Amino acid sequence: TGSVTTYADSVKGRFTISRDNAKNTVNLQM
């Protein structure tokens, strides 16, 4: 909820996760 992120080592630097708490959505840019 506080936007602390965790990534698998295999995707670090390539994928970005984000969320919109107001809309209850989560996105993954790959």
Full PDB file with SEQRES, HELIX, SHEET, SSBOND, CRYST1, ORIGX, SCALE, CONECT and MASTER records, all heavy atoms in Angstrom:
SEQRES   1 A   30  THR GLY SER VAL THR THR TYR ALA ASP SER VAL LYS GLY          
SEQRES   2 A   30  ARG PHE THR ILE SER ARG ASP ASN ALA LYS ASN THR VAL          
SEQRES   3 A   30  ASN LEU GLN MET                                              
HELIX    1 AA1 ASP A    9  VAL A   11  5                                   3    
SHEET    1 AA1 2 THR A  16  ASP A  20  0                                        
SHEET    2 AA1 2 THR A  25  GLN A  29 -1                                        
CRYST1    1.000    1.000    1.000  90.00  90.00  90.00 P 1           1          
ORIGX1      1.000000  0.000000  0.000000        0.00000                         
ORIGX2      0.000000  1.000000  0.000000        0.00000                         
ORIGX3      0.000000  0.000000  1.000000        0.00000                         
SCALE1      1.000000  0.000000  0.000000        0.00000                         
SCALE2      0.000000  1.000000  0.000000        0.00000                         
SCALE3      0.000000  0.000000  1.000000        0.00000                         
ATOM      1  N   THR A   1       0.830  -1.196   0.000  1.00  0.00           N  
ATOM      2  CA  THR A   1       0.000   0.000   0.000  1.00  0.00           C  
ATOM      3  C   THR A   1       0.868   1.252   0.000  1.00  0.00           C  
ATOM      4  O   THR A   1       0.507   2.268  -0.604  1.00  0.00           O  
ATOM      5  CB  THR A   1      -0.918   0.000   1.237  1.00  0.00           C  
ATOM      6  OG1 THR A   1      -1.692  -1.198   1.238  1.00  0.00           O  
ATOM      7  CG2 THR A   1      -1.856   1.189   1.213  1.00  0.00           C  
ATOM      8  N   GLY A   2       2.019   1.157   0.639  1.00  0.00           N  
ATOM      9  CA  GLY A   2       2.947   2.282   0.684  1.00  0.00           C  
ATOM     10  C   GLY A   2       3.923   2.325  -0.477  1.00  0.00           C  
ATOM     11  O   GLY A   2       4.914   3.054  -0.439  1.00  0.00           O  
ATOM     12  N   SER A   3       3.644   1.533  -1.506  1.00  0.00           N  
ATOM     13  CA  SER A   3       4.445   1.505  -2.745  1.00  0.00           C  
ATOM     14  C   SER A   3       5.848   0.940  -2.572  1.00  0.00           C  
ATOM     15  O   SER A   3       6.747   1.267  -3.355  1.00  0.00           O  
ATOM     16  CB  SER A   3       4.512   2.900  -3.385  1.00  0.00           C  
ATOM     17  OG  SER A   3       3.223   3.327  -3.782  1.00  0.00           O  
ATOM     18  N   VAL A   4       6.031   0.106  -1.583  1.00  0.00           N  
ATOM     19  CA  VAL A   4       7.302  -0.624  -1.485  1.00  0.00           C  
ATOM     20  C   VAL A   4       7.211  -1.814  -2.441  1.00  0.00           C  
ATOM     21  O   VAL A   4       6.251  -2.579  -2.401  1.00  0.00           O  
ATOM     22  CB  VAL A   4       7.551  -1.103  -0.045  1.00  0.00           C  
ATOM     23  CG1 VAL A   4       8.799  -1.966   0.014  1.00  0.00           C  
ATOM     24  CG2 VAL A   4       7.661   0.086   0.897  1.00  0.00           C  
ATOM     25  N   THR A   5       8.213  -1.951  -3.278  1.00  0.00           N  
ATOM     26  CA  THR A   5       8.155  -2.976  -4.326  1.00  0.00           C  
ATOM     27  C   THR A   5       9.178  -4.084  -4.093  1.00  0.00           C  
ATOM     28  O   THR A   5      10.235  -3.873  -3.491  1.00  0.00           O  
ATOM     29  CB  THR A   5       8.415  -2.354  -5.697  1.00  0.00           C  
ATOM     30  OG1 THR A   5       9.687  -1.692  -5.682  1.00  0.00           O  
ATOM     31  CG2 THR A   5       7.331  -1.342  -6.051  1.00  0.00           C  
ATOM     32  N   THR A   6       8.831  -5.258  -4.605  1.00  0.00           N  
ATOM     33  CA  THR A   6       9.726  -6.411  -4.613  1.00  0.00           C  
ATOM     34  C   THR A   6       9.690  -7.001  -6.009  1.00  0.00           C  
ATOM     35  O   THR A   6       8.607  -7.134  -6.595  1.00  0.00           O  
ATOM     36  CB  THR A   6       9.262  -7.471  -3.598  1.00  0.00           C  
ATOM     37  OG1 THR A   6       9.247  -6.903  -2.282  1.00  0.00           O  
ATOM     38  CG2 THR A   6      10.211  -8.665  -3.607  1.00  0.00           C  
ATOM     39  N   TYR A   7      10.863  -7.357  -6.522  1.00  0.00           N  
ATOM     40  CA  TYR A   7      10.948  -7.937  -7.852  1.00  0.00           C  
ATOM     41  C   TYR A   7      11.746  -9.244  -7.812  1.00  0.00           C  
ATOM     42  O   TYR A   7      12.712  -9.369  -7.055  1.00  0.00           O  
ATOM     43  CB  TYR A   7      11.649  -6.988  -8.823  1.00  0.00           C  
ATOM     44  CG  TYR A   7      10.886  -5.724  -9.137  1.00  0.00           C  
ATOM     45  CD1 TYR A   7      11.119  -4.547  -8.429  1.00  0.00           C  
ATOM     46  CD2 TYR A   7       9.924  -5.703 -10.147  1.00  0.00           C  
ATOM     47  CE1 TYR A   7      10.424  -3.388  -8.711  1.00  0.00           C  
ATOM     48  CE2 TYR A   7       9.225  -4.550 -10.442  1.00  0.00           C  
ATOM     49  CZ  TYR A   7       9.474  -3.397  -9.719  1.00  0.00           C  
ATOM     50  OH  TYR A   7       8.772  -2.249 -10.011  1.00  0.00           O  
ATOM     51  N   ALA A   8      11.364 -10.164  -8.664  1.00  0.00           N  
ATOM     52  CA  ALA A   8      12.206 -11.332  -8.879  1.00  0.00           C  
ATOM     53  C   ALA A   8      13.500 -10.864  -9.528  1.00  0.00           C  
ATOM     54  O   ALA A   8      13.501  -9.929 -10.331  1.00  0.00           O  
ATOM     55  CB  ALA A   8      11.487 -12.323  -9.790  1.00  0.00           C  
ATOM     56  N   ASP A   9      14.582 -11.507  -9.175  1.00  0.00           N  
ATOM     57  CA  ASP A   9      15.880 -11.109  -9.730  1.00  0.00           C  
ATOM     58  C   ASP A   9      15.865 -11.126 -11.260  1.00  0.00           C  
ATOM     59  O   ASP A   9      16.497 -10.292 -11.905  1.00  0.00           O  
ATOM     60  CB  ASP A   9      16.983 -12.044  -9.220  1.00  0.00           C  
ATOM     61  CG  ASP A   9      17.314 -11.801  -7.759  1.00  0.00           C  
ATOM     62  OD1 ASP A   9      16.948 -10.728  -7.237  1.00  0.00           O  
ATOM     63  OD2 ASP A   9      17.930 -12.693  -7.149  1.00  0.00           O  
ATOM     64  N   SER A  10      15.133 -12.062 -11.831  1.00  0.00           N  
ATOM     65  CA  SER A  10      15.141 -12.238 -13.280  1.00  0.00           C  
ATOM     66  C   SER A  10      14.472 -11.087 -14.030  1.00  0.00           C  
ATOM     67  O   SER A  10      14.656 -10.956 -15.240  1.00  0.00           O  
ATOM     68  CB  SER A  10      14.453 -13.553 -13.652  1.00  0.00           C  
ATOM     69  OG  SER A  10      13.118 -13.562 -13.199  1.00  0.00           O  
ATOM     70  N   VAL A  11      13.698 -10.258 -13.322  1.00  0.00           N  
ATOM     71  CA  VAL A  11      12.986  -9.178 -14.020  1.00  0.00           C  
ATOM     72  C   VAL A  11      13.443  -7.794 -13.575  1.00  0.00           C  
ATOM     73  O   VAL A  11      12.985  -6.788 -14.133  1.00  0.00           O  
ATOM     74  CB  VAL A  11      11.454  -9.300 -13.832  1.00  0.00           C  
ATOM     75  CG1 VAL A  11      10.974 -10.687 -14.232  1.00  0.00           C  
ATOM     76  CG2 VAL A  11      11.033  -8.964 -12.412  1.00  0.00           C  
ATOM     77  N   LYS A  12      14.330  -7.718 -12.621  1.00  0.00           N  
ATOM     78  CA  LYS A  12      14.799  -6.419 -12.134  1.00  0.00           C  
ATOM     79  C   LYS A  12      15.420  -5.613 -13.272  1.00  0.00           C  
ATOM     80  O   LYS A  12      16.200  -6.132 -14.059  1.00  0.00           O  
ATOM     81  CB  LYS A  12      15.823  -6.610 -11.013  1.00  0.00           C  
ATOM     82  CG  LYS A  12      15.218  -7.032  -9.685  1.00  0.00           C  
ATOM     83  CD  LYS A  12      16.289  -7.204  -8.618  1.00  0.00           C  
ATOM     84  CE  LYS A  12      15.663  -7.628  -7.294  1.00  0.00           C  
ATOM     85  NZ  LYS A  12      16.690  -7.878  -6.252  1.00  0.00           N  
ATOM     86  N   GLY A  13      15.035  -4.355 -13.334  1.00  0.00           N  
ATOM     87  CA  GLY A  13      15.546  -3.474 -14.377  1.00  0.00           C  
ATOM     88  C   GLY A  13      14.768  -3.543 -15.672  1.00  0.00           C  
ATOM     89  O   GLY A  13      14.968  -2.707 -16.561  1.00  0.00           O  
ATOM     90  N   ARG A  14      13.859  -4.518 -15.793  1.00  0.00           N  
ATOM     91  CA  ARG A  14      13.073  -4.654 -17.020  1.00  0.00           C  
ATOM     92  C   ARG A  14      11.575  -4.440 -16.772  1.00  0.00           C  
ATOM     93  O   ARG A  14      10.870  -3.923 -17.638  1.00  0.00           O  
ATOM     94  CB  ARG A  14      13.295  -6.041 -17.640  1.00  0.00           C  
ATOM     95  CG  ARG A  14      14.721  -6.328 -18.001  1.00  0.00           C  
ATOM     96  CD  ARG A  14      14.847  -7.646 -18.778  1.00  0.00           C  
ATOM     97  NE  ARG A  14      14.432  -8.803 -17.992  1.00  0.00           N  
ATOM     98  CZ  ARG A  14      13.450  -9.649 -18.342  1.00  0.00           C  
ATOM     99  NH1 ARG A  14      12.779  -9.440 -19.457  1.00  0.00           N  
ATOM    100  NH2 ARG A  14      13.157 -10.687 -17.570  1.00  0.00           N  
ATOM    101  N   PHE A  15      11.110  -4.884 -15.610  1.00  0.00           N  
ATOM    102  CA  PHE A  15       9.685  -4.787 -15.276  1.00  0.00           C  
ATOM    103  C   PHE A  15       9.483  -3.707 -14.214  1.00  0.00           C  
ATOM    104  O   PHE A  15      10.341  -3.515 -13.343  1.00  0.00           O  
ATOM    105  CB  PHE A  15       9.170  -6.101 -14.726  1.00  0.00           C  
ATOM    106  CG  PHE A  15       9.096  -7.229 -15.725  1.00  0.00           C  
ATOM    107  CD1 PHE A  15       9.652  -7.147 -16.979  1.00  0.00           C  
ATOM    108  CD2 PHE A  15       8.441  -8.409 -15.376  1.00  0.00           C  
ATOM    109  CE1 PHE A  15       9.583  -8.182 -17.889  1.00  0.00           C  
ATOM    110  CE2 PHE A  15       8.348  -9.462 -16.271  1.00  0.00           C  
ATOM    111  CZ  PHE A  15       8.934  -9.359 -17.516  1.00  0.00           C  
ATOM    112  N   THR A  16       8.328  -3.054 -14.285  1.00  0.00           N  
ATOM    113  CA  THR A  16       7.966  -2.054 -13.286  1.00  0.00           C  
ATOM    114  C   THR A  16       6.522  -2.276 -12.853  1.00  0.00           C  
ATOM    115  O   THR A  16       5.624  -2.317 -13.697  1.00  0.00           O  
ATOM    116  CB  THR A  16       8.117  -0.633 -13.833  1.00  0.00           C  
ATOM    117  OG1 THR A  16       9.453  -0.418 -14.278  1.00  0.00           O  
ATOM    118  CG2 THR A  16       7.787   0.391 -12.750  1.00  0.00           C  
ATOM    119  N   ILE A  17       6.327  -2.421 -11.550  1.00  0.00           N  
ATOM    120  CA  ILE A  17       4.985  -2.591 -11.009  1.00  0.00           C  
ATOM    121  C   ILE A  17       4.517  -1.262 -10.424  1.00  0.00           C  
ATOM    122  O   ILE A  17       5.309  -0.507  -9.852  1.00  0.00           O  
ATOM    123  CB  ILE A  17       4.950  -3.715  -9.946  1.00  0.00           C  
ATOM    124  CG1 ILE A  17       3.508  -4.071  -9.582  1.00  0.00           C  
ATOM    125  CG2 ILE A  17       5.772  -3.348  -8.712  1.00  0.00           C  
ATOM    126  CD1 ILE A  17       3.389  -5.334  -8.743  1.00  0.00           C  
ATOM    127  N   SER A  18       3.230  -0.991 -10.579  1.00  0.00           N  
ATOM    128  CA  SER A  18       2.654   0.230 -10.022  1.00  0.00           C  
ATOM    129  C   SER A  18       1.213  -0.047  -9.622  1.00  0.00           C  
ATOM    130  O   SER A  18       0.613  -1.025 -10.078  1.00  0.00           O  
ATOM    131  CB  SER A  18       2.714   1.373 -11.044  1.00  0.00           C  
ATOM    132  OG  SER A  18       1.980   1.042 -12.208  1.00  0.00           O  
ATOM    133  N   ARG A  19       0.660   0.795  -8.781  1.00  0.00           N  
ATOM    134  CA  ARG A  19      -0.722   0.608  -8.355  1.00  0.00           C  
ATOM    135  C   ARG A  19      -1.393   1.953  -8.151  1.00  0.00           C  
ATOM    136  O   ARG A  19      -0.737   2.966  -7.914  1.00  0.00           O  
ATOM    137  CB  ARG A  19      -0.788  -0.224  -7.067  1.00  0.00           C  
ATOM    138  CG  ARG A  19      -0.185   0.441  -5.853  1.00  0.00           C  
ATOM    139  CD  ARG A  19      -0.176  -0.497  -4.647  1.00  0.00           C  
ATOM    140  NE  ARG A  19      -1.483  -0.640  -4.021  1.00  0.00           N  
ATOM    141  CZ  ARG A  19      -1.740  -1.501  -3.019  1.00  0.00           C  
ATOM    142  NH1 ARG A  19      -0.785  -2.295  -2.568  1.00  0.00           N  
ATOM    143  NH2 ARG A  19      -2.941  -1.552  -2.486  1.00  0.00           N  
ATOM    144  N   ASP A  20      -2.696   1.907  -8.252  1.00  0.00           N  
ATOM    145  CA  ASP A  20      -3.521   3.087  -7.971  1.00  0.00           C  
ATOM    146  C   ASP A  20      -4.462   2.685  -6.845  1.00  0.00           C  
ATOM    147  O   ASP A  20      -5.416   1.930  -7.069  1.00  0.00           O  
ATOM    148  CB  ASP A  20      -4.288   3.497  -9.243  1.00  0.00           C  
ATOM    149  CG  ASP A  20      -5.075   4.773  -9.037  1.00  0.00           C  
ATOM    150  OD1 ASP A  20      -5.546   5.033  -7.907  1.00  0.00           O  
ATOM    151  OD2 ASP A  20      -5.260   5.516 -10.017  1.00  0.00           O  
ATOM    152  N   ASN A  21      -4.172   3.152  -5.656  1.00  0.00           N  
ATOM    153  CA  ASN A  21      -4.957   2.732  -4.498  1.00  0.00           C  
ATOM    154  C   ASN A  21      -6.412   3.209  -4.578  1.00  0.00           C  
ATOM    155  O   ASN A  21      -7.315   2.538  -4.092  1.00  0.00           O  
ATOM    156  CB  ASN A  21      -4.319   3.258  -3.214  1.00  0.00           C  
ATOM    157  CG  ASN A  21      -2.995   2.590  -2.912  1.00  0.00           C  
ATOM    158  OD1 ASN A  21      -2.786   1.422  -3.254  1.00  0.00           O  
ATOM    159  ND2 ASN A  21      -2.085   3.309  -2.289  1.00  0.00           N  
ATOM    160  N   ALA A  22      -6.632   4.340  -5.198  1.00  0.00           N  
ATOM    161  CA  ALA A  22      -7.995   4.865  -5.308  1.00  0.00           C  
ATOM    162  C   ALA A  22      -8.846   4.014  -6.235  1.00  0.00           C  
ATOM    163  O   ALA A  22     -10.058   3.871  -6.031  1.00  0.00           O  
ATOM    164  CB  ALA A  22      -7.960   6.306  -5.803  1.00  0.00           C  
ATOM    165  N   LYS A  23      -8.214   3.449  -7.247  1.00  0.00           N  
ATOM    166  CA  LYS A  23      -8.949   2.649  -8.237  1.00  0.00           C  
ATOM    167  C   LYS A  23      -8.808   1.151  -8.008  1.00  0.00           C  
ATOM    168  O   LYS A  23      -9.401   0.355  -8.727  1.00  0.00           O  
ATOM    169  CB  LYS A  23      -8.469   2.996  -9.643  1.00  0.00           C  
ATOM    170  CG  LYS A  23      -8.734   4.437 -10.052  1.00  0.00           C  
ATOM    171  CD  LYS A  23      -8.236   4.697 -11.471  1.00  0.00           C  
ATOM    172  CE  LYS A  23      -8.514   6.130 -11.897  1.00  0.00           C  
ATOM    173  NZ  LYS A  23      -8.024   6.395 -13.282  1.00  0.00           N  
ATOM    174  N   ASN A  24      -7.993   0.757  -7.019  1.00  0.00           N  
ATOM    175  CA  ASN A  24      -7.748  -0.670  -6.753  1.00  0.00           C  
ATOM    176  C   ASN A  24      -7.221  -1.386  -7.988  1.00  0.00           C  
ATOM    177  O   ASN A  24      -7.694  -2.464  -8.350  1.00  0.00           O  
ATOM    178  CB  ASN A  24      -9.022  -1.360  -6.250  1.00  0.00           C  
ATOM    179  CG  ASN A  24      -9.286  -1.070  -4.785  1.00  0.00           C  
ATOM    180  OD1 ASN A  24      -8.469  -0.462  -4.104  1.00  0.00           O  
ATOM    181  ND2 ASN A  24     -10.428  -1.491  -4.297  1.00  0.00           N  
ATOM    182  N   THR A  25      -6.259  -0.783  -8.634  1.00  0.00           N  
ATOM    183  CA  THR A  25      -5.656  -1.394  -9.809  1.00  0.00           C  
ATOM    184  C   THR A  25      -4.147  -1.567  -9.602  1.00  0.00           C  
ATOM    185  O   THR A  25      -3.512  -0.806  -8.860  1.00  0.00           O  
ATOM    186  CB  THR A  25      -5.880  -0.552 -11.063  1.00  0.00           C  
ATOM    187  OG1 THR A  25      -5.345   0.766 -10.857  1.00  0.00           O  
ATOM    188  CG2 THR A  25      -7.361  -0.430 -11.399  1.00  0.00           C  
ATOM    189  N   VAL A  26      -3.619  -2.568 -10.270  1.00  0.00           N  
ATOM    190  CA  VAL A  26      -2.179  -2.795 -10.264  1.00  0.00           C  
ATOM    191  C   VAL A  26      -1.752  -3.090 -11.691  1.00  0.00           C  
ATOM    192  O   VAL A  26      -2.442  -3.796 -12.427  1.00  0.00           O  
ATOM    193  CB  VAL A  26      -1.777  -3.932  -9.298  1.00  0.00           C  
ATOM    194  CG1 VAL A  26      -2.448  -5.250  -9.677  1.00  0.00           C  
ATOM    195  CG2 VAL A  26      -0.267  -4.077  -9.212  1.00  0.00           C  
ATOM    196  N   ASN A  27      -0.627  -2.521 -12.079  1.00  0.00           N  
ATOM    197  CA  ASN A  27      -0.125  -2.682 -13.441  1.00  0.00           C  
ATOM    198  C   ASN A  27       1.285  -3.241 -13.414  1.00  0.00           C  
ATOM    199  O   ASN A  27       2.030  -3.056 -12.449  1.00  0.00           O  
ATOM    200  CB  ASN A  27      -0.117  -1.331 -14.165  1.00  0.00           C  
ATOM    201  CG  ASN A  27      -1.489  -0.704 -14.236  1.00  0.00           C  
ATOM    202  OD1 ASN A  27      -2.442  -1.305 -14.717  1.00  0.00           O  
ATOM    203  ND2 ASN A  27      -1.613   0.522 -13.733  1.00  0.00           N  
ATOM    204  N   LEU A  28       1.638  -3.901 -14.496  1.00  0.00           N  
ATOM    205  CA  LEU A  28       2.991  -4.425 -14.644  1.00  0.00           C  
ATOM    206  C   LEU A  28       3.475  -4.045 -16.040  1.00  0.00           C  
ATOM    207  O   LEU A  28       2.971  -4.574 -17.037  1.00  0.00           O  
ATOM    208  CB  LEU A  28       3.025  -5.940 -14.460  1.00  0.00           C  
ATOM    209  CG  LEU A  28       4.413  -6.565 -14.489  1.00  0.00           C  
ATOM    210  CD1 LEU A  28       5.202  -6.133 -13.248  1.00  0.00           C  
ATOM    211  CD2 LEU A  28       4.324  -8.090 -14.552  1.00  0.00           C  
ATOM    212  N   GLN A  29       4.412  -3.130 -16.103  1.00  0.00           N  
ATOM    213  CA  GLN A  29       5.031  -2.747 -17.369  1.00  0.00           C  
ATOM    214  C   GLN A  29       6.227  -3.661 -17.602  1.00  0.00           C  
ATOM    215  O   GLN A  29       7.147  -3.688 -16.769  1.00  0.00           O  
ATOM    216  CB  GLN A  29       5.474  -1.285 -17.326  1.00  0.00           C  
ATOM    217  CG  GLN A  29       6.175  -0.814 -18.595  1.00  0.00           C  
ATOM    218  CD  GLN A  29       5.250  -0.812 -19.805  1.00  0.00           C  
ATOM    219  OE1 GLN A  29       4.092  -0.413 -19.713  1.00  0.00           O  
ATOM    220  NE2 GLN A  29       5.759  -1.283 -20.931  1.00  0.00           N  
ATOM    221  N   MET A  30       6.198  -4.377 -18.696  1.00  0.00           N  
ATOM    222  CA  MET A  30       7.247  -5.349 -18.991  1.00  0.00           C  
ATOM    223  C   MET A  30       7.994  -4.914 -20.244  1.00  0.00           C  
ATOM    224  O   MET A  30       7.409  -4.863 -21.334  1.00  0.00           O  
ATOM    225  CB  MET A  30       6.642  -6.737 -19.187  1.00  0.00           C  
ATOM    226  CG  MET A  30       5.790  -7.197 -18.010  1.00  0.00           C  
ATOM    227  SD  MET A  30       5.200  -8.895 -18.171  1.00  0.00           S  
ATOM    228  CE  MET A  30       4.093  -8.727 -19.573  1.00  0.00           C  
TER     229      MET A  30                                                      
MASTER        0    0    0    1    2    0    0    6  228    1    0    3          
END                                                                             
